[in-house]
Amino acid sequence: MELFATVDFIYTKAINQYYLQDINLRGIAGASAGEAGRPLYGTINPATGGASVQRATNRANDIIMNRNVSKDQSTSLAFQLQKRFSDGLEFLAAYTYSHSQDIMSMTSDITGSNYSFGILDGTVENRNLRTSSFDRPHKVRSAAPSMHHSVPGSR
């Protein structure tokens, strides 16, 4: 009978991670009173609720600039116990805690979709590091596989 225990720790820091920014915005035009001071890049009509964006040029809508930043990070800590018995039975139990943070969770393969539907925490020019859309903090796994033993006289 053998007992194995493992512990793993991983820290990852992104270098030159993909970042999207609309360079056709004129800049922050004000702050929203009802959303904790969220920056506004245009105005909201109080009567209709319609928004109008203040653009540097009206000859185009979004002009998305692709650039790189180095802010994304993740950590992972895993524990595993594995017990093997003399009759070939085996048991394992594992737990992993992880935390992933990014400034932009790229959920699409289309630039415009990532920019338009991405969560904005901070400003368009400088987003805040926040919990990633892909963060899965807890993983528990257990298994009890048995090793196949042939019986004498069987095929």
C-alpha atoms as a PDB file:
ATOM      1  CA  MET A   1       0.000   0.000   0.000  1.00  0.00           C
ATOM      2  CA  GLU A   2       1.393   3.332  -1.082  1.00  0.00           C
ATOM      3  CA  LEU A   3       0.240   6.854  -0.264  1.00  0.00           C
ATOM      4  CA  PHE A   4       1.302   9.791  -2.430  1.00  0.00           C
ATOM      5  CA  ALA A   5       0.709  13.469  -1.673  1.00  0.00           C
ATOM      6  CA  THR A   6       1.485  16.320  -4.037  1.00  0.00           C
ATOM      7  CA  VAL A   7       1.284  20.093  -3.797  1.00  0.00           C
ATOM      8  CA  ASP A   8       1.674  22.376  -6.821  1.00  0.00           C
ATOM      9  CA  PHE A   9       1.781  26.175  -7.026  1.00  0.00           C
ATOM     10  CA  ILE A  10       1.816  28.212 -10.237  1.00  0.00           C
ATOM     11  CA  TYR A  11       1.963  31.983 -10.706  1.00  0.00           C
ATOM     12  CA  THR A  12       1.555  33.377 -14.213  1.00  0.00           C
ATOM     13  CA  LYS A  13       2.055  36.981 -15.345  1.00  0.00           C
ATOM     14  CA  ALA A  14       1.121  37.973 -18.871  1.00  0.00           C
ATOM     15  CA  ILE A  15       3.638  39.883 -20.936  1.00  0.00           C
ATOM     16  CA  ASN A  16       2.396  41.909 -23.910  1.00  0.00           C
ATOM     17  CA  GLN A  17      -1.220  40.801 -23.578  1.00  0.00           C
ATOM     18  CA  TYR A  18      -3.640  41.890 -26.321  1.00  0.00           C
ATOM     19  CA  TYR A  19      -5.540  45.128 -25.484  1.00  0.00           C
ATOM     20  CA  LEU A  20      -8.224  47.026 -27.416  1.00  0.00           C
ATOM     21  CA  GLN A  21      -8.916  50.746 -27.294  1.00  0.00           C
ATOM     22  CA  ASP A  22     -11.227  53.003 -29.344  1.00  0.00           C
ATOM     23  CA  ILE A  23      -9.033  55.933 -30.408  1.00  0.00           C
ATOM     24  CA  ASN A  24     -11.969  57.736 -32.021  1.00  0.00           C
ATOM     25  CA  LEU A  25     -13.410  58.754 -28.652  1.00  0.00           C
ATOM     26  CA  ARG A  26     -12.954  62.415 -27.800  1.00  0.00           C
ATOM     27  CA  GLY A  27     -12.281  61.610 -24.149  1.00  0.00           C
ATOM     28  CA  ILE A  28     -14.226  61.478 -20.922  1.00  0.00           C
ATOM     29  CA  ALA A  29     -17.140  63.883 -21.176  1.00  0.00           C
ATOM     30  CA  GLY A  30     -18.481  63.447 -17.643  1.00  0.00           C
ATOM     31  CA  ALA A  31     -19.440  60.924 -15.019  1.00  0.00           C
ATOM     32  CA  SER A  32     -22.632  59.001 -14.403  1.00  0.00           C
ATOM     33  CA  ALA A  33     -24.287  59.941 -11.123  1.00  0.00           C
ATOM     34  CA  GLY A  34     -26.244  56.693 -10.873  1.00  0.00           C
ATOM     35  CA  GLU A  35     -23.394  54.256 -11.485  1.00  0.00           C
ATOM     36  CA  ALA A  36     -20.763  55.216  -8.917  1.00  0.00           C
ATOM     37  CA  GLY A  37     -19.189  57.853 -11.112  1.00  0.00           C
ATOM     38  CA  ARG A  38     -18.671  55.674 -14.207  1.00  0.00           C
ATOM     39  CA  PRO A  39     -16.896  57.705 -16.922  1.00  0.00           C
ATOM     40  CA  LEU A  40     -19.074  58.779 -19.844  1.00  0.00           C
ATOM     41  CA  TYR A  41     -17.695  59.215 -23.353  1.00  0.00           C
ATOM     42  CA  GLY A  42     -20.686  61.211 -24.539  1.00  0.00           C
ATOM     43  CA  THR A  43     -24.044  62.296 -23.217  1.00  0.00           C
ATOM     44  CA  ILE A  44     -27.271  60.591 -22.182  1.00  0.00           C
ATOM     45  CA  ASN A  45     -30.598  62.209 -23.035  1.00  0.00           C
ATOM     46  CA  PRO A  46     -32.522  62.187 -19.719  1.00  0.00           C
ATOM     47  CA  ALA A  47     -35.896  62.179 -21.490  1.00  0.00           C
ATOM     48  CA  THR A  48     -35.265  59.217 -23.800  1.00  0.00           C
ATOM     49  CA  GLY A  49     -32.307  57.457 -22.186  1.00  0.00           C
ATOM     50  CA  GLY A  50     -30.573  57.494 -25.578  1.00  0.00           C
ATOM     51  CA  ALA A  51     -26.814  57.925 -25.664  1.00  0.00           C
ATOM     52  CA  SER A  52     -24.686  59.881 -28.106  1.00  0.00           C
ATOM     53  CA  VAL A  53     -20.941  59.289 -28.260  1.00  0.00           C
ATOM     54  CA  GLN A  54     -18.535  62.207 -28.704  1.00  0.00           C
ATOM     55  CA  ARG A  55     -16.164  61.183 -31.500  1.00  0.00           C
ATOM     56  CA  ALA A  56     -12.888  62.745 -32.618  1.00  0.00           C
ATOM     57  CA  THR A  57     -14.121  62.359 -36.200  1.00  0.00           C
ATOM     58  CA  ASN A  58     -17.632  61.616 -37.421  1.00  0.00           C
ATOM     59  CA  ARG A  59     -16.304  59.973 -40.597  1.00  0.00           C
ATOM     60  CA  ALA A  60     -15.991  56.685 -38.683  1.00  0.00           C
ATOM     61  CA  ASN A  61     -17.530  55.011 -35.665  1.00  0.00           C
ATOM     62  CA  ASP A  62     -15.190  52.802 -33.625  1.00  0.00           C
ATOM     63  CA  ILE A  63     -11.520  52.982 -34.587  1.00  0.00           C
ATOM     64  CA  ILE A  64     -10.048  50.132 -32.590  1.00  0.00           C
ATOM     65  CA  MET A  65      -6.343  50.252 -31.837  1.00  0.00           C
ATOM     66  CA  ASN A  66      -4.672  46.980 -30.865  1.00  0.00           C
ATOM     67  CA  ARG A  67      -1.851  47.354 -28.370  1.00  0.00           C
ATOM     68  CA  ASN A  68      -0.149  45.351 -25.662  1.00  0.00           C
ATOM     69  CA  VAL A  69      -0.192  45.615 -21.871  1.00  0.00           C
ATOM     70  CA  SER A  70       1.358  43.424 -19.196  1.00  0.00           C
ATOM     71  CA  LYS A  71      -1.162  43.293 -16.345  1.00  0.00           C
ATOM     72  CA  ASP A  72      -3.013  39.946 -16.528  1.00  0.00           C
ATOM     73  CA  GLN A  73      -2.085  37.378 -13.883  1.00  0.00           C
ATOM     74  CA  SER A  74      -3.197  34.109 -12.324  1.00  0.00           C
ATOM     75  CA  THR A  75      -2.315  31.891  -9.394  1.00  0.00           C
ATOM     76  CA  SER A  76      -3.116  28.247  -8.784  1.00  0.00           C
ATOM     77  CA  LEU A  77      -2.579  26.004  -5.769  1.00  0.00           C
ATOM     78  CA  ALA A  78      -3.352  22.272  -6.024  1.00  0.00           C
ATOM     79  CA  PHE A  79      -3.332  19.434  -3.488  1.00  0.00           C
ATOM     80  CA  GLN A  80      -3.675  15.746  -4.325  1.00  0.00           C
ATOM     81  CA  LEU A  81      -3.725  12.537  -2.289  1.00  0.00           C
ATOM     82  CA  GLN A  82      -3.448   9.185  -4.003  1.00  0.00           C
ATOM     83  CA  LYS A  83      -3.669   5.807  -2.273  1.00  0.00           C
ATOM     84  CA  ARG A  84      -2.848   2.471  -3.909  1.00  0.00           C
ATOM     85  CA  PHE A  85      -3.943  -0.778  -2.305  1.00  0.00           C
ATOM     86  CA  SER A  86      -2.344  -4.188  -2.776  1.00  0.00           C
ATOM     87  CA  ASP A  87      -5.385  -5.624  -4.592  1.00  0.00           C
ATOM     88  CA  GLY A  88      -5.019  -3.084  -7.425  1.00  0.00           C
ATOM     89  CA  LEU A  89      -7.656  -0.659  -6.169  1.00  0.00           C
ATOM     90  CA  GLU A  90      -6.664   2.979  -6.222  1.00  0.00           C
ATOM     91  CA  PHE A  91      -8.247   6.148  -4.831  1.00  0.00           C
ATOM     92  CA  LEU A  92      -7.406   9.778  -5.407  1.00  0.00           C
ATOM     93  CA  ALA A  93      -8.783  13.073  -4.189  1.00  0.00           C
ATOM     94  CA  ALA A  94      -7.668  16.495  -5.394  1.00  0.00           C
ATOM     95  CA  TYR A  95      -8.533  20.134  -4.809  1.00  0.00           C
ATOM     96  CA  THR A  96      -7.374  23.147  -6.798  1.00  0.00           C
ATOM     97  CA  TYR A  97      -7.826  26.798  -5.889  1.00  0.00           C
ATOM     98  CA  SER A  98      -7.113  29.284  -8.646  1.00  0.00           C
ATOM     99  CA  HIS A  99      -7.647  32.984  -9.257  1.00  0.00           C
ATOM    100  CA  SER A 100      -7.341  34.656 -12.655  1.00  0.00           C
ATOM    101  CA  GLN A 101      -7.352  38.403 -13.235  1.00  0.00           C
ATOM    102  CA  ASP A 102      -7.287  40.320 -16.477  1.00  0.00           C
ATOM    103  CA  ILE A 103      -8.085  43.736 -17.826  1.00  0.00           C
ATOM    104  CA  MET A 104     -10.053  42.378 -20.774  1.00  0.00           C
ATOM    105  CA  SER A 105     -11.510  38.879 -21.041  1.00  0.00           C
ATOM    106  CA  MET A 106     -11.359  38.057 -24.735  1.00  0.00           C
ATOM    107  CA  THR A 107     -14.546  36.036 -25.198  1.00  0.00           C
ATOM    108  CA  SER A 108     -14.686  36.214 -28.990  1.00  0.00           C
ATOM    109  CA  ASP A 109     -12.408  35.824 -31.986  1.00  0.00           C
ATOM    110  CA  ILE A 110     -13.743  39.100 -33.437  1.00  0.00           C
ATOM    111  CA  THR A 111     -12.100  42.368 -32.367  1.00  0.00           C
ATOM    112  CA  GLY A 112     -15.265  44.471 -32.585  1.00  0.00           C
ATOM    113  CA  SER A 113     -17.194  41.964 -30.492  1.00  0.00           C
ATOM    114  CA  ASN A 114     -14.500  41.855 -27.797  1.00  0.00           C
ATOM    115  CA  TYR A 115     -14.432  45.636 -27.595  1.00  0.00           C
ATOM    116  CA  SER A 116     -18.187  46.263 -27.744  1.00  0.00           C
ATOM    117  CA  PHE A 117     -19.318  43.562 -25.336  1.00  0.00           C
ATOM    118  CA  GLY A 118     -16.348  43.492 -22.958  1.00  0.00           C
ATOM    119  CA  ILE A 119     -16.757  44.636 -19.367  1.00  0.00           C
ATOM    120  CA  LEU A 120     -15.351  48.115 -18.772  1.00  0.00           C
ATOM    121  CA  ASP A 121     -13.908  48.639 -15.302  1.00  0.00           C
ATOM    122  CA  GLY A 122     -11.926  51.870 -15.322  1.00  0.00           C
ATOM    123  CA  THR A 123     -11.446  53.929 -18.464  1.00  0.00           C
ATOM    124  CA  VAL A 124     -11.127  52.821 -22.085  1.00  0.00           C
ATOM    125  CA  GLU A 125      -7.466  53.897 -22.042  1.00  0.00           C
ATOM    126  CA  ASN A 126      -6.610  52.241 -18.709  1.00  0.00           C
ATOM    127  CA  ARG A 127      -8.831  49.379 -17.576  1.00  0.00           C
ATOM    128  CA  ASN A 128      -8.537  48.031 -14.041  1.00  0.00           C
ATOM    129  CA  LEU A 129      -7.277  44.555 -13.279  1.00  0.00           C
ATOM    130  CA  ARG A 130     -10.329  42.489 -12.294  1.00  0.00           C
ATOM    131  CA  THR A 131     -11.475  38.890 -11.934  1.00  0.00           C
ATOM    132  CA  SER A 132     -11.432  37.254 -15.363  1.00  0.00           C
ATOM    133  CA  SER A 133     -14.565  35.938 -17.063  1.00  0.00           C
ATOM    134  CA  PHE A 134     -12.649  32.647 -17.290  1.00  0.00           C
ATOM    135  CA  ASP A 135     -11.881  32.430 -13.547  1.00  0.00           C
ATOM    136  CA  ARG A 136     -12.852  29.097 -11.988  1.00  0.00           C
ATOM    137  CA  PRO A 137     -11.720  29.355  -8.362  1.00  0.00           C
ATOM    138  CA  HIS A 138     -12.532  25.874  -7.086  1.00  0.00           C
ATOM    139  CA  LYS A 139     -12.068  22.435  -8.597  1.00  0.00           C
ATOM    140  CA  VAL A 140     -12.608  19.188  -6.703  1.00  0.00           C
ATOM    141  CA  ARG A 141     -11.820  15.823  -8.220  1.00  0.00           C
ATOM    142  CA  SER A 142     -12.009  12.283  -6.925  1.00  0.00           C
ATOM    143  CA  ALA A 143     -11.658   8.900  -8.576  1.00  0.00           C
ATOM    144  CA  ALA A 144     -11.454   5.253  -7.663  1.00  0.00           C
ATOM    145  CA  PRO A 145     -10.133   3.379 -10.683  1.00  0.00           C
ATOM    146  CA  SER A 146      -9.142  -0.252 -10.355  1.00  0.00           C
ATOM    147  CA  MET A 147      -6.404  -1.966 -12.272  1.00  0.00           C
ATOM    148  CA  HIS A 148      -7.583  -4.875 -14.428  1.00  0.00           C
ATOM    149  CA  HIS A 149      -6.313  -8.259 -13.292  1.00  0.00           C
ATOM    150  CA  SER A 150      -6.724 -11.305 -15.496  1.00  0.00           C
ATOM    151  CA  VAL A 151      -8.285 -14.384 -13.981  1.00  0.00           C
ATOM    152  CA  PRO A 152      -6.367 -17.606 -14.692  1.00  0.00           C
ATOM    153  CA  GLY A 153      -8.093 -19.656 -17.405  1.00  0.00           C
ATOM    154  CA  SER A 154     -10.100 -16.710 -18.815  1.00  0.00           C
ATOM    155  CA  ARG A 155      -9.572 -14.871 -22.056  1.00  0.00           C
END
